[in-house]
Amino acid sequence: MTGRDTKSRQLPLDLPAAAAMQREDFLGAPGNAAALTLVDSFPDWTARVVCLVGPAGTGKSHLARVFATRSGAVTVAARDLARAAVPEALAHGALVVEDLAPGDFDEAALFHLLNLAREQGAFVLMTARTPPAHWRLATPDLASRLRALPTVEIAAADDPLLAAVLVKLFADRQIPVDDATVQFLLRRMERTVEGAQQVVEALDRAALAAQRPVTRALAAQVLRDLLPGEGEPEDADD
């Protein structure tokens, strides 16, 4: 294989980009303003146990990371929560419980955690895609406790936020991209943060494989592969 062939057919390495997850990297918008205010106001919370609720990709984990940095909280996945581990998890006075979902956690462990957190005055930030007050649970006391739990909802991203998310995702991967390409993607991609993540990852891989910059032409090609019928022929210079 010649050097030219090697360059034109280079295989991209499957290395995840390091997302920027500091407070200054969070993209504020009207739909997430209440959640951002909550994290920024720590430790002056009116309630010490709060749940962030919103669709996937709306920034719940990012804000939880900011809270953990500020509070010294340990982070545990809800599905991994065990009753015996609750005292140690709360030992630092703050805890993040990520991805609560009905049927995917130990109800006895969560009930014990809420009780112990109240006794100790610990801060707990939980994240979920749907409001816990609506869940059908096997433990009536836990269901009652979750119905009373303060929740802060994060709305799905609107167009300005999605455009900003695209720019941030490209910047996280150190990929230069112009506004015309961002707007082209915004009009045609799946209109969610997860959709933005998917298309940026696909463009990164395609650009590496072809040794080309990210342009509207490449974006159209990638969108045709990801979402048949969404890409369109490009008459602009690549």
Protein backbone atom coordinates (compact mmCIF):
# COMPACT_ATOMS: atom_id res chain seq x y z
CA MET A 1 0.00 0.00 0.00
CA THR A 2 1.40 3.41 -0.94
CA GLY A 3 1.67 6.37 1.37
CA ARG A 4 -1.09 8.09 -0.59
CA ASP A 5 -3.41 5.09 -0.19
CA THR A 6 -2.65 4.96 3.52
CA LYS A 7 -3.64 8.61 3.92
CA SER A 8 -6.84 8.32 1.89
CA ARG A 9 -8.00 5.18 3.72
CA GLN A 10 -6.78 5.94 7.24
CA LEU A 11 -8.89 4.21 9.87
CA PRO A 12 -10.02 6.47 12.72
CA LEU A 13 -9.17 5.41 16.24
CA ASP A 14 -12.23 4.93 18.44
CA LEU A 15 -11.10 7.32 21.15
CA PRO A 16 -13.82 9.23 23.05
CA ALA A 17 -13.52 13.00 23.12
CA ALA A 18 -13.04 14.54 26.54
CA ALA A 19 -16.12 16.66 27.17
CA ALA A 20 -15.57 19.95 28.95
CA MET A 21 -17.64 19.61 32.13
CA GLN A 22 -16.76 22.63 34.26
CA ARG A 23 -19.31 25.25 35.35
CA GLU A 24 -18.13 27.67 32.68
CA ASP A 25 -18.70 25.01 30.02
CA PHE A 26 -22.40 24.62 30.82
CA LEU A 27 -24.60 26.24 28.18
CA GLY A 28 -27.30 28.21 29.94
CA ALA A 29 -30.73 28.65 28.33
CA PRO A 30 -34.27 29.49 29.51
CA GLY A 31 -35.13 25.79 29.69
CA ASN A 32 -32.33 24.99 32.15
CA ALA A 33 -32.17 28.27 34.07
CA ALA A 34 -33.86 26.93 37.22
CA ALA A 35 -31.51 23.93 37.38
CA LEU A 36 -28.47 26.14 36.87
CA THR A 37 -29.67 28.51 39.59
CA LEU A 38 -30.08 25.56 41.95
CA VAL A 39 -26.50 24.40 41.49
CA ASP A 40 -25.11 27.94 41.61
CA SER A 41 -26.94 28.62 44.89
CA PHE A 42 -25.41 25.67 46.75
CA PRO A 43 -25.25 25.37 49.76
CA ASP A 44 -28.11 27.84 50.27
CA TRP A 45 -30.83 25.35 49.35
CA THR A 46 -34.29 25.46 50.87
CA ALA A 47 -34.36 21.64 50.72
CA ARG A 48 -31.29 19.46 51.02
CA VAL A 49 -32.52 16.65 48.77
CA VAL A 50 -33.48 17.66 45.22
CA CYS A 51 -34.05 15.84 41.93
CA LEU A 52 -33.09 17.21 38.51
CA VAL A 53 -35.56 15.93 35.92
CA GLY A 54 -35.31 16.12 32.15
CA PRO A 55 -34.82 14.20 28.90
CA ALA A 56 -31.53 12.53 28.09
CA GLY A 57 -28.78 14.91 27.04
CA THR A 58 -30.21 18.05 28.64
CA GLY A 59 -27.28 18.62 30.99
CA LYS A 60 -28.34 16.82 34.17
CA SER A 61 -25.05 14.94 34.48
CA HIS A 62 -23.05 18.08 33.69
CA LEU A 63 -24.78 20.00 36.48
CA ALA A 64 -24.40 17.02 38.81
CA ARG A 65 -20.67 17.06 38.10
CA VAL A 66 -20.51 20.78 38.93
CA PHE A 67 -22.41 20.17 42.17
CA ALA A 68 -20.11 17.27 43.08
CA THR A 69 -17.04 19.43 42.52
CA ARG A 70 -18.40 22.20 44.73
CA SER A 71 -19.79 19.99 47.50
CA GLY A 72 -17.23 17.19 47.56
CA ALA A 73 -20.04 14.75 46.81
CA VAL A 74 -19.51 11.14 45.85
CA THR A 75 -21.40 10.07 42.70
CA VAL A 76 -23.19 6.73 42.49
CA ALA A 77 -25.35 5.26 39.73
CA ALA A 78 -28.86 4.62 41.05
CA ARG A 79 -28.80 1.01 39.86
CA ASP A 80 -25.65 0.40 41.94
CA LEU A 81 -27.06 1.84 45.15
CA ALA A 82 -26.95 -0.75 47.96
CA ARG A 83 -28.41 -0.36 51.46
CA ALA A 84 -25.20 -1.40 53.22
CA ALA A 85 -23.20 1.21 51.29
CA VAL A 86 -25.47 4.16 52.12
CA PRO A 87 -23.67 5.35 55.29
CA GLU A 88 -20.31 5.44 53.51
CA ALA A 89 -21.84 7.17 50.48
CA LEU A 90 -23.17 9.95 52.73
CA ALA A 91 -19.98 10.23 54.79
CA HIS A 92 -18.87 13.41 53.01
CA GLY A 93 -22.17 15.16 53.67
CA ALA A 94 -23.16 15.29 50.00
CA LEU A 95 -24.09 12.72 47.38
CA VAL A 96 -25.09 12.54 43.71
CA VAL A 97 -27.40 9.71 42.65
CA GLU A 98 -27.46 9.48 38.86
CA ASP A 99 -30.10 8.07 36.52
CA LEU A 100 -32.95 7.13 38.82
CA ALA A 101 -35.56 5.19 36.87
CA PRO A 102 -38.52 3.15 38.12
CA GLY A 103 -37.70 -0.54 38.36
CA ASP A 104 -33.96 0.06 38.01
CA PHE A 105 -32.90 0.66 41.63
CA ASP A 106 -33.17 -0.93 45.05
CA GLU A 107 -36.17 0.73 46.70
CA ALA A 108 -35.07 -0.24 50.22
CA ALA A 109 -31.64 1.31 49.61
CA LEU A 110 -33.09 4.58 48.33
CA PHE A 111 -35.56 4.79 51.21
CA HIS A 112 -32.72 4.22 53.70
CA LEU A 113 -30.65 6.86 51.94
CA LEU A 114 -33.41 9.47 52.12
CA ASN A 115 -33.99 8.76 55.81
CA LEU A 116 -30.31 8.88 56.71
CA ALA A 117 -29.73 12.02 54.65
CA ARG A 118 -32.51 13.75 56.57
CA GLU A 119 -31.09 12.61 59.92
CA GLN A 120 -27.59 13.79 59.02
CA GLY A 121 -28.58 16.95 57.16
CA ALA A 122 -26.71 15.72 54.08
CA PHE A 123 -27.17 17.20 50.62
CA VAL A 124 -28.37 14.82 47.91
CA LEU A 125 -28.78 15.67 44.24
CA MET A 126 -30.54 13.03 42.17
CA THR A 127 -31.13 12.93 38.41
CA ALA A 128 -33.98 11.28 36.52
CA ARG A 129 -35.66 11.47 33.13
CA THR A 130 -39.20 11.55 34.52
CA PRO A 131 -40.59 13.02 37.77
CA PRO A 132 -40.33 10.49 40.63
CA ALA A 133 -43.75 11.61 41.87
CA HIS A 134 -45.30 9.80 38.89
CA TRP A 135 -43.63 6.43 39.47
CA ARG A 136 -45.45 3.30 40.62
CA LEU A 137 -43.34 1.74 43.35
CA ALA A 138 -43.61 -1.33 45.56
CA THR A 139 -42.68 0.63 48.71
CA PRO A 140 -45.54 2.97 49.73
CA ASP A 141 -43.41 5.01 52.15
CA LEU A 142 -40.80 5.60 49.46
CA ALA A 143 -43.48 6.59 46.94
CA SER A 144 -44.84 9.09 49.46
CA ARG A 145 -41.37 10.48 50.13
CA LEU A 146 -40.65 10.89 46.41
CA ARG A 147 -43.97 12.65 45.82
CA ALA A 148 -42.89 15.25 48.36
CA LEU A 149 -39.39 15.57 46.90
CA PRO A 150 -38.59 18.97 45.33
CA THR A 151 -37.87 18.57 41.62
CA VAL A 152 -36.31 20.98 39.17
CA GLU A 153 -37.12 20.28 35.54
CA ILE A 154 -34.87 20.87 32.55
CA ALA A 155 -36.64 21.34 29.22
CA ALA A 156 -35.58 19.80 25.93
CA ALA A 157 -33.11 21.97 24.01
CA ASP A 158 -34.42 24.65 21.66
CA ASP A 159 -32.74 25.76 18.41
CA PRO A 160 -30.34 28.35 19.86
CA LEU A 161 -29.22 25.91 22.55
CA LEU A 162 -28.80 23.06 20.03
CA ALA A 163 -26.65 25.32 17.85
CA ALA A 164 -24.52 26.19 20.87
CA VAL A 165 -24.29 22.49 21.78
CA LEU A 166 -23.02 21.67 18.28
CA VAL A 167 -20.34 24.37 18.54
CA LYS A 168 -19.31 23.08 21.99
CA LEU A 169 -19.16 19.45 20.87
CA PHE A 170 -16.96 20.36 17.91
CA ALA A 171 -14.77 22.48 20.20
CA ASP A 172 -14.44 19.57 22.67
CA ARG A 173 -12.99 17.54 19.79
CA GLN A 174 -10.87 20.49 18.59
CA ILE A 175 -12.65 20.51 15.22
CA PRO A 176 -12.95 23.88 13.46
CA VAL A 177 -16.38 24.39 11.92
CA ASP A 178 -18.08 27.41 10.37
CA ASP A 179 -21.53 28.75 11.19
CA ALA A 180 -22.95 27.71 7.80
CA THR A 181 -22.15 24.07 8.57
CA VAL A 182 -23.64 24.34 12.05
CA GLN A 183 -26.87 25.79 10.65
CA PHE A 184 -26.95 23.14 7.92
CA LEU A 185 -26.73 20.40 10.57
CA LEU A 186 -29.28 22.09 12.81
CA ARG A 187 -31.92 22.10 10.06
CA ARG A 188 -31.48 18.41 9.22
CA MET A 189 -30.28 16.41 12.23
CA GLU A 190 -32.39 14.80 14.94
CA ARG A 191 -33.35 17.81 17.03
CA THR A 192 -32.08 16.62 20.40
CA VAL A 193 -28.81 16.92 22.29
CA GLU A 194 -28.29 13.19 21.73
CA GLY A 195 -28.81 13.78 18.01
CA ALA A 196 -26.16 16.50 18.08
CA GLN A 197 -23.75 14.18 19.87
CA GLN A 198 -24.37 11.44 17.33
CA VAL A 199 -23.80 13.63 14.28
CA VAL A 200 -20.66 15.29 15.69
CA GLU A 201 -19.16 11.91 16.53
CA ALA A 202 -19.98 10.61 13.03
CA LEU A 203 -18.49 13.71 11.40
CA ASP A 204 -15.34 13.42 13.49
CA ARG A 205 -14.86 9.83 12.38
CA ALA A 206 -15.60 10.61 8.75
CA ALA A 207 -13.22 13.57 8.69
CA LEU A 208 -10.43 11.51 10.25
CA ALA A 209 -10.99 8.61 7.86
CA ALA A 210 -10.99 10.85 4.77
CA GLN A 211 -8.38 13.30 6.08
CA ARG A 212 -10.77 16.15 5.27
CA PRO A 213 -12.03 19.14 7.25
CA VAL A 214 -15.63 19.22 8.43
CA THR A 215 -17.63 21.05 5.76
CA ARG A 216 -21.22 21.22 4.57
CA ALA A 217 -20.41 18.67 1.87
CA LEU A 218 -19.07 16.19 4.41
CA ALA A 219 -22.01 16.96 6.69
CA ALA A 220 -24.45 16.13 3.87
CA GLN A 221 -22.65 12.85 3.23
CA VAL A 222 -22.71 11.87 6.90
CA LEU A 223 -26.36 12.81 7.30
CA ARG A 224 -27.30 10.65 4.32
CA ASP A 225 -25.71 7.72 6.16
CA LEU A 226 -27.19 8.54 9.57
CA LEU A 227 -30.64 9.71 8.49
CA PRO A 228 -31.55 8.58 4.95
CA GLY A 229 -33.37 11.36 3.13
CA GLU A 230 -32.02 14.12 5.39
CA GLY A 231 -28.76 14.87 3.60
CA GLU A 232 -28.83 16.81 0.34
CA PRO A 233 -26.45 17.23 -2.58
CA GLU A 234 -24.02 20.05 -2.13
CA ASP A 235 -23.16 22.42 -4.95
CA ALA A 236 -20.79 24.48 -2.83
CA ASP A 237 -17.06 23.93 -3.03
CA ASP A 238 -15.83 21.42 -0.46
